[in-house]
């Protein structure tokens, strides 16, 4: 599924908010089906609810500028949707809203975007270097989540991969994609069982949805 960002009526430079998708809405059904279809290992959990994120206007503008820049190099410029797993430390189950906690990865990304200063906050091993890790499989990103009680959450993001550098072996020294490329695509092979994509430019990722699901929330995040 590919999507263009559609912001809420209060889209300004600093506004950030969310809305719970109605369970019977076509948007909710599409995202829920995608989550289930993209779960390819282990027992698939049940989606509890989905938040549609309205990012600050400054993040959307950065994303659109990046999209235009990539379009000048690669035409057409694809928009892909990938998952990102991280920690949720607030009681989003009750609030159904974003928190202000500094240690809540999910809400922090929704409010501030992906920040290079936060890379490695929860994960020590970075297979393809200093970048933002996303994946096309929800089950892959589940390994990098940590939740509360009996729930976890992950992000579904709009991603501008540009030209991908495809690798099958560890490249832990990367701080950017090789010259002429815009991202790194980890292809299953000697080092990986499931694909992942690494983005090194903050402006290339826009969080769109928070998917809250039932799955042993208190287990530790993968290292």
C-alpha atoms as a PDB file:
ATOM      1  CA  UNK A   1       0.000   0.000   0.000  1.00  0.00           C
ATOM      2  CA  UNK A   2       1.329   3.409  -0.910  1.00  0.00           C
ATOM      3  CA  UNK A   3      -0.039   6.630   0.450  1.00  0.00           C
ATOM      4  CA  UNK A   4       0.400  10.364   0.280  1.00  0.00           C
ATOM      5  CA  UNK A   5       0.338  12.197   3.610  1.00  0.00           C
ATOM      6  CA  UNK A   6      -3.116  13.571   4.360  1.00  0.00           C
ATOM      7  CA  UNK A   7      -2.984  15.912   7.307  1.00  0.00           C
ATOM      8  CA  UNK A   8      -5.756  17.019   9.612  1.00  0.00           C
ATOM      9  CA  UNK A   9      -7.419  20.421   9.527  1.00  0.00           C
ATOM     10  CA  UNK A  10      -5.160  21.760  12.278  1.00  0.00           C
ATOM     11  CA  UNK A  11      -1.959  21.106  10.346  1.00  0.00           C
ATOM     12  CA  UNK A  12       0.451  23.851  11.462  1.00  0.00           C
ATOM     13  CA  UNK A  13       4.175  24.103  12.092  1.00  0.00           C
ATOM     14  CA  UNK A  14       3.925  22.750  15.639  1.00  0.00           C
ATOM     15  CA  UNK A  15       0.587  20.962  15.897  1.00  0.00           C
ATOM     16  CA  UNK A  16       0.714  17.249  16.574  1.00  0.00           C
ATOM     17  CA  UNK A  17      -2.252  15.056  17.300  1.00  0.00           C
ATOM     18  CA  UNK A  18      -3.984  11.820  16.514  1.00  0.00           C
ATOM     19  CA  UNK A  19      -7.356  10.228  16.108  1.00  0.00           C
ATOM     20  CA  UNK A  20      -8.543   6.709  16.756  1.00  0.00           C
ATOM     21  CA  UNK A  21      -9.663   5.052  13.549  1.00  0.00           C
ATOM     22  CA  UNK A  22     -13.185   3.683  13.709  1.00  0.00           C
ATOM     23  CA  UNK A  23     -12.914  -0.104  13.655  1.00  0.00           C
ATOM     24  CA  UNK A  24     -15.416  -0.441  10.813  1.00  0.00           C
ATOM     25  CA  UNK A  25     -13.873   2.301   8.673  1.00  0.00           C
ATOM     26  CA  UNK A  26     -12.216   1.304   5.419  1.00  0.00           C
ATOM     27  CA  UNK A  27      -8.959   2.971   6.515  1.00  0.00           C
ATOM     28  CA  UNK A  28      -8.809   0.930   9.716  1.00  0.00           C
ATOM     29  CA  UNK A  29      -9.662  -2.281   7.890  1.00  0.00           C
ATOM     30  CA  UNK A  30      -6.944  -1.694   5.286  1.00  0.00           C
ATOM     31  CA  UNK A  31      -4.241  -1.031   7.890  1.00  0.00           C
ATOM     32  CA  UNK A  32      -5.367  -3.936  10.084  1.00  0.00           C
ATOM     33  CA  UNK A  33      -5.353  -6.334   7.121  1.00  0.00           C
ATOM     34  CA  UNK A  34      -1.912  -5.121   6.121  1.00  0.00           C
ATOM     35  CA  UNK A  35      -0.591  -5.721   9.652  1.00  0.00           C
ATOM     36  CA  UNK A  36      -2.010  -9.267   9.660  1.00  0.00           C
ATOM     37  CA  UNK A  37      -0.779 -10.078   6.149  1.00  0.00           C
ATOM     38  CA  UNK A  38       2.688  -8.748   6.969  1.00  0.00           C
ATOM     39  CA  UNK A  39       3.016 -10.934  10.086  1.00  0.00           C
ATOM     40  CA  UNK A  40       5.029 -13.837   8.687  1.00  0.00           C
ATOM     41  CA  UNK A  41       6.525 -15.594  11.722  1.00  0.00           C
ATOM     42  CA  UNK A  42       4.872 -16.864  14.888  1.00  0.00           C
ATOM     43  CA  UNK A  43       1.292 -16.402  15.996  1.00  0.00           C
ATOM     44  CA  UNK A  44      -0.224 -13.156  14.781  1.00  0.00           C
ATOM     45  CA  UNK A  45      -1.632 -10.968  17.580  1.00  0.00           C
ATOM     46  CA  UNK A  46      -4.941  -9.131  17.582  1.00  0.00           C
ATOM     47  CA  UNK A  47      -4.970  -5.425  16.724  1.00  0.00           C
ATOM     48  CA  UNK A  48      -6.718  -3.487  19.486  1.00  0.00           C
ATOM     49  CA  UNK A  49      -6.914  -0.083  17.831  1.00  0.00           C
ATOM     50  CA  UNK A  50      -5.048   2.190  15.427  1.00  0.00           C
ATOM     51  CA  UNK A  51      -4.145   5.856  15.831  1.00  0.00           C
ATOM     52  CA  UNK A  52      -3.836   8.036  12.741  1.00  0.00           C
ATOM     53  CA  UNK A  53      -1.032  10.532  13.427  1.00  0.00           C
ATOM     54  CA  UNK A  54      -1.120  14.203  12.438  1.00  0.00           C
ATOM     55  CA  UNK A  55       2.549  15.197  12.441  1.00  0.00           C
ATOM     56  CA  UNK A  56       3.776  18.745  13.018  1.00  0.00           C
ATOM     57  CA  UNK A  57       3.720  20.745   9.798  1.00  0.00           C
ATOM     58  CA  UNK A  58       7.483  21.217   9.919  1.00  0.00           C
ATOM     59  CA  UNK A  59       8.008  17.447   9.674  1.00  0.00           C
ATOM     60  CA  UNK A  60       5.592  17.177   6.771  1.00  0.00           C
ATOM     61  CA  UNK A  61       7.343  20.032   4.967  1.00  0.00           C
ATOM     62  CA  UNK A  62      10.725  18.354   5.459  1.00  0.00           C
ATOM     63  CA  UNK A  63       9.287  15.115   4.076  1.00  0.00           C
ATOM     64  CA  UNK A  64       7.808  16.881   1.033  1.00  0.00           C
ATOM     65  CA  UNK A  65      11.091  18.735   0.390  1.00  0.00           C
ATOM     66  CA  UNK A  66      12.957  15.439   0.560  1.00  0.00           C
ATOM     67  CA  UNK A  67      10.452  13.860  -1.815  1.00  0.00           C
ATOM     68  CA  UNK A  68      10.973  16.696  -4.306  1.00  0.00           C
ATOM     69  CA  UNK A  69      14.735  16.381  -3.986  1.00  0.00           C
ATOM     70  CA  UNK A  70      14.635  12.653  -4.684  1.00  0.00           C
ATOM     71  CA  UNK A  71      12.266  13.215  -7.613  1.00  0.00           C
ATOM     72  CA  UNK A  72      14.948  15.369  -9.225  1.00  0.00           C
ATOM     73  CA  UNK A  73      17.317  12.390  -9.063  1.00  0.00           C
ATOM     74  CA  UNK A  74      14.927   9.484  -9.556  1.00  0.00           C
ATOM     75  CA  UNK A  75      11.670   9.773 -11.445  1.00  0.00           C
ATOM     76  CA  UNK A  76       9.173   8.613 -10.337  1.00  0.00           C
ATOM     77  CA  UNK A  77       9.906   8.671  -6.606  1.00  0.00           C
ATOM     78  CA  UNK A  78       8.294   5.748  -4.807  1.00  0.00           C
ATOM     79  CA  UNK A  79       6.603   6.096  -1.439  1.00  0.00           C
ATOM     80  CA  UNK A  80       6.722   2.865   0.547  1.00  0.00           C
ATOM     81  CA  UNK A  81       5.134   1.930   3.848  1.00  0.00           C
ATOM     82  CA  UNK A  82       7.275   0.176   6.456  1.00  0.00           C
ATOM     83  CA  UNK A  83       7.003  -0.658  10.148  1.00  0.00           C
ATOM     84  CA  UNK A  84       9.221   0.549  12.966  1.00  0.00           C
ATOM     85  CA  UNK A  85       9.322  -1.099  16.376  1.00  0.00           C
ATOM     86  CA  UNK A  86      10.307   0.710  19.558  1.00  0.00           C
ATOM     87  CA  UNK A  87       9.335   1.178  23.215  1.00  0.00           C
ATOM     88  CA  UNK A  88       6.012   2.448  24.469  1.00  0.00           C
ATOM     89  CA  UNK A  89       6.107   3.475  28.113  1.00  0.00           C
ATOM     90  CA  UNK A  90       2.777   5.279  28.511  1.00  0.00           C
ATOM     91  CA  UNK A  91      -0.700   3.876  29.107  1.00  0.00           C
ATOM     92  CA  UNK A  92      -1.851   4.439  25.551  1.00  0.00           C
ATOM     93  CA  UNK A  93      -4.496   1.752  26.053  1.00  0.00           C
ATOM     94  CA  UNK A  94      -6.391   4.009  28.420  1.00  0.00           C
ATOM     95  CA  UNK A  95      -5.559   7.419  26.984  1.00  0.00           C
ATOM     96  CA  UNK A  96      -5.784   6.544  23.268  1.00  0.00           C
ATOM     97  CA  UNK A  97      -3.566   9.594  22.841  1.00  0.00           C
ATOM     98  CA  UNK A  98       0.104  10.591  22.614  1.00  0.00           C
ATOM     99  CA  UNK A  99       2.010  11.204  25.828  1.00  0.00           C
ATOM    100  CA  UNK A 100       4.744  13.692  26.738  1.00  0.00           C
ATOM    101  CA  UNK A 101       7.122  11.141  28.306  1.00  0.00           C
ATOM    102  CA  UNK A 102      10.725  11.605  27.212  1.00  0.00           C
ATOM    103  CA  UNK A 103      11.378   7.846  27.291  1.00  0.00           C
ATOM    104  CA  UNK A 104       8.342   6.802  25.225  1.00  0.00           C
ATOM    105  CA  UNK A 105       9.706   5.940  21.802  1.00  0.00           C
ATOM    106  CA  UNK A 106       6.365   5.677  20.017  1.00  0.00           C
ATOM    107  CA  UNK A 107       4.974   9.025  21.193  1.00  0.00           C
ATOM    108  CA  UNK A 108       8.349  10.773  20.922  1.00  0.00           C
ATOM    109  CA  UNK A 109       8.704   9.850  17.253  1.00  0.00           C
ATOM    110  CA  UNK A 110       5.138  10.942  16.525  1.00  0.00           C
ATOM    111  CA  UNK A 111       5.800  14.325  18.147  1.00  0.00           C
ATOM    112  CA  UNK A 112       9.355  14.999  16.998  1.00  0.00           C
ATOM    113  CA  UNK A 113       9.986  12.716  14.045  1.00  0.00           C
ATOM    114  CA  UNK A 114      12.944  10.380  13.713  1.00  0.00           C
ATOM    115  CA  UNK A 115      15.988  11.984  15.334  1.00  0.00           C
ATOM    116  CA  UNK A 116      19.600  10.945  14.764  1.00  0.00           C
ATOM    117  CA  UNK A 117      20.407  11.775  18.377  1.00  0.00           C
ATOM    118  CA  UNK A 118      18.101   8.944  19.464  1.00  0.00           C
ATOM    119  CA  UNK A 119      19.667   6.232  17.270  1.00  0.00           C
ATOM    120  CA  UNK A 120      20.910   3.393  19.443  1.00  0.00           C
ATOM    121  CA  UNK A 121      18.881   4.423  22.495  1.00  0.00           C
ATOM    122  CA  UNK A 122      17.429   0.927  22.821  1.00  0.00           C
ATOM    123  CA  UNK A 123      19.408  -1.241  20.406  1.00  0.00           C
ATOM    124  CA  UNK A 124      23.156  -1.794  20.766  1.00  0.00           C
ATOM    125  CA  UNK A 125      23.812  -3.774  17.576  1.00  0.00           C
ATOM    126  CA  UNK A 126      23.324  -1.875  14.323  1.00  0.00           C
ATOM    127  CA  UNK A 127      23.763  -4.283  11.418  1.00  0.00           C
ATOM    128  CA  UNK A 128      23.925  -1.592   8.758  1.00  0.00           C
ATOM    129  CA  UNK A 129      25.387   1.204  10.802  1.00  0.00           C
ATOM    130  CA  UNK A 130      24.024   4.442  12.199  1.00  0.00           C
ATOM    131  CA  UNK A 131      20.563   4.732  10.670  1.00  0.00           C
ATOM    132  CA  UNK A 132      16.842   4.274  11.192  1.00  0.00           C
ATOM    133  CA  UNK A 133      15.711   0.677  10.836  1.00  0.00           C
ATOM    134  CA  UNK A 134      12.341  -0.244   9.359  1.00  0.00           C
ATOM    135  CA  UNK A 135      10.908  -3.389   7.791  1.00  0.00           C
ATOM    136  CA  UNK A 136       8.085  -4.529   5.490  1.00  0.00           C
ATOM    137  CA  UNK A 137       7.059  -7.253   7.953  1.00  0.00           C
ATOM    138  CA  UNK A 138       5.178  -6.386  11.142  1.00  0.00           C
ATOM    139  CA  UNK A 139       6.453  -9.583  12.779  1.00  0.00           C
ATOM    140  CA  UNK A 140      10.059  -8.507  12.170  1.00  0.00           C
ATOM    141  CA  UNK A 141       9.501  -5.173  13.909  1.00  0.00           C
ATOM    142  CA  UNK A 142       7.727  -6.843  16.813  1.00  0.00           C
ATOM    143  CA  UNK A 143      11.132  -8.136  17.937  1.00  0.00           C
ATOM    144  CA  UNK A 144      12.149  -4.529  18.602  1.00  0.00           C
ATOM    145  CA  UNK A 145       9.104  -3.445  20.585  1.00  0.00           C
ATOM    146  CA  UNK A 146       8.508  -3.256  24.287  1.00  0.00           C
ATOM    147  CA  UNK A 147       5.122  -2.427  25.729  1.00  0.00           C
ATOM    148  CA  UNK A 148       3.095  -2.301  28.899  1.00  0.00           C
ATOM    149  CA  UNK A 149       0.839  -4.901  30.501  1.00  0.00           C
ATOM    150  CA  UNK A 150      -0.448  -7.113  27.673  1.00  0.00           C
ATOM    151  CA  UNK A 151       0.015  -4.696  24.778  1.00  0.00           C
ATOM    152  CA  UNK A 152       2.657  -3.402  22.448  1.00  0.00           C
ATOM    153  CA  UNK A 153       2.641  -0.860  19.631  1.00  0.00           C
ATOM    154  CA  UNK A 154       4.536  -0.181  16.444  1.00  0.00           C
ATOM    155  CA  UNK A 155       4.596   2.567  13.853  1.00  0.00           C
ATOM    156  CA  UNK A 156       3.595   2.325  10.227  1.00  0.00           C
ATOM    157  CA  UNK A 157       5.472   5.012   8.322  1.00  0.00           C
ATOM    158  CA  UNK A 158       5.589   6.577   4.897  1.00  0.00           C
ATOM    159  CA  UNK A 159       9.147   6.108   3.651  1.00  0.00           C
ATOM    160  CA  UNK A 160      11.122   7.637   0.787  1.00  0.00           C
ATOM    161  CA  UNK A 161      13.800   5.007   0.076  1.00  0.00           C
ATOM    162  CA  UNK A 162      15.075   6.544  -3.152  1.00  0.00           C
ATOM    163  CA  UNK A 163      17.710   4.360  -4.765  1.00  0.00           C
ATOM    164  CA  UNK A 164      18.414   1.326  -2.569  1.00  0.00           C
ATOM    165  CA  UNK A 165      21.830  -0.203  -2.029  1.00  0.00           C
ATOM    166  CA  UNK A 166      21.111  -3.932  -1.623  1.00  0.00           C
ATOM    167  CA  UNK A 167      23.334  -5.889   0.777  1.00  0.00           C
ATOM    168  CA  UNK A 168      23.300  -9.355   2.350  1.00  0.00           C
ATOM    169  CA  UNK A 169      26.196  -9.003   4.792  1.00  0.00           C
ATOM    170  CA  UNK A 170      26.740  -6.833   7.860  1.00  0.00           C
ATOM    171  CA  UNK A 171      27.938  -3.288   7.211  1.00  0.00           C
ATOM    172  CA  UNK A 172      28.157  -1.925  10.727  1.00  0.00           C
ATOM    173  CA  UNK A 173      30.443   0.951   9.699  1.00  0.00           C
ATOM    174  CA  UNK A 174      27.822   2.714   7.555  1.00  0.00           C
ATOM    175  CA  UNK A 175      26.836   6.238   8.609  1.00  0.00           C
ATOM    176  CA  UNK A 176      25.237   6.935   5.225  1.00  0.00           C
ATOM    177  CA  UNK A 177      24.408   4.908   2.124  1.00  0.00           C
ATOM    178  CA  UNK A 178      27.200   4.450  -0.433  1.00  0.00           C
ATOM    179  CA  UNK A 179      27.650   7.261  -2.932  1.00  0.00           C
ATOM    180  CA  UNK A 180      24.864   7.333  -5.505  1.00  0.00           C
ATOM    181  CA  UNK A 181      22.347   5.648  -3.197  1.00  0.00           C
ATOM    182  CA  UNK A 182      19.732   6.964  -0.769  1.00  0.00           C
ATOM    183  CA  UNK A 183      19.098   3.980   1.536  1.00  0.00           C
ATOM    184  CA  UNK A 184      20.299   0.482   2.348  1.00  0.00           C
ATOM    185  CA  UNK A 185      18.115  -2.566   1.808  1.00  0.00           C
ATOM    186  CA  UNK A 186      19.052  -5.646   3.805  1.00  0.00           C
ATOM    187  CA  UNK A 187      18.170  -8.655   1.688  1.00  0.00           C
ATOM    188  CA  UNK A 188      17.669 -12.037   3.367  1.00  0.00           C
ATOM    189  CA  UNK A 189      20.711 -14.222   2.993  1.00  0.00           C
ATOM    190  CA  UNK A 190      23.764 -14.920   5.096  1.00  0.00           C
ATOM    191  CA  UNK A 191      23.025 -12.290   7.762  1.00  0.00           C
ATOM    192  CA  UNK A 192      19.257 -11.794   7.655  1.00  0.00           C
ATOM    193  CA  UNK A 193      16.209 -14.039   7.730  1.00  0.00           C
ATOM    194  CA  UNK A 194      13.807 -11.216   6.870  1.00  0.00           C
ATOM    195  CA  UNK A 195      14.319  -7.990   4.908  1.00  0.00           C
ATOM    196  CA  UNK A 196      14.819  -4.574   6.448  1.00  0.00           C
ATOM    197  CA  UNK A 197      15.486  -1.100   5.138  1.00  0.00           C
ATOM    198  CA  UNK A 198      17.776   1.485   6.695  1.00  0.00           C
ATOM    199  CA  UNK A 199      17.215   5.200   6.188  1.00  0.00           C
ATOM    200  CA  UNK A 200      19.949   7.681   7.084  1.00  0.00           C
ATOM    201  CA  UNK A 201      18.058  10.912   6.400  1.00  0.00           C
ATOM    202  CA  UNK A 202      15.549  11.982   9.070  1.00  0.00           C
ATOM    203  CA  UNK A 203      13.345  13.723   6.509  1.00  0.00           C
ATOM    204  CA  UNK A 204      12.741  10.503   4.557  1.00  0.00           C
ATOM    205  CA  UNK A 205      10.397   8.977   7.166  1.00  0.00           C
ATOM    206  CA  UNK A 206       6.988  10.219   8.260  1.00  0.00           C
ATOM    207  CA  UNK A 207       5.082   8.360  11.012  1.00  0.00           C
ATOM    208  CA  UNK A 208       1.497   7.785   9.890  1.00  0.00           C
ATOM    209  CA  UNK A 209      -0.104   5.233  12.210  1.00  0.00           C
ATOM    210  CA  UNK A 210       0.375   3.740  15.660  1.00  0.00           C
ATOM    211  CA  UNK A 211      -0.841   0.142  15.681  1.00  0.00           C
ATOM    212  CA  UNK A 212      -1.668  -1.049  19.202  1.00  0.00           C
ATOM    213  CA  UNK A 213      -1.928  -4.823  19.548  1.00  0.00           C
ATOM    214  CA  UNK A 214      -2.190  -7.550  22.169  1.00  0.00           C
ATOM    215  CA  UNK A 215       1.113  -9.320  22.688  1.00  0.00           C
ATOM    216  CA  UNK A 216       3.046  -9.987  25.952  1.00  0.00           C
ATOM    217  CA  UNK A 217       3.875  -6.320  26.440  1.00  0.00           C
ATOM    218  CA  UNK A 218       6.340  -6.683  29.294  1.00  0.00           C
ATOM    219  CA  UNK A 219       8.926  -8.778  27.446  1.00  0.00           C
ATOM    220  CA  UNK A 220      12.289  -7.101  26.879  1.00  0.00           C
ATOM    221  CA  UNK A 221      13.159  -5.400  23.624  1.00  0.00           C
ATOM    222  CA  UNK A 222      15.483  -7.351  21.328  1.00  0.00           C
ATOM    223  CA  UNK A 223      19.163  -6.430  21.353  1.00  0.00           C
END
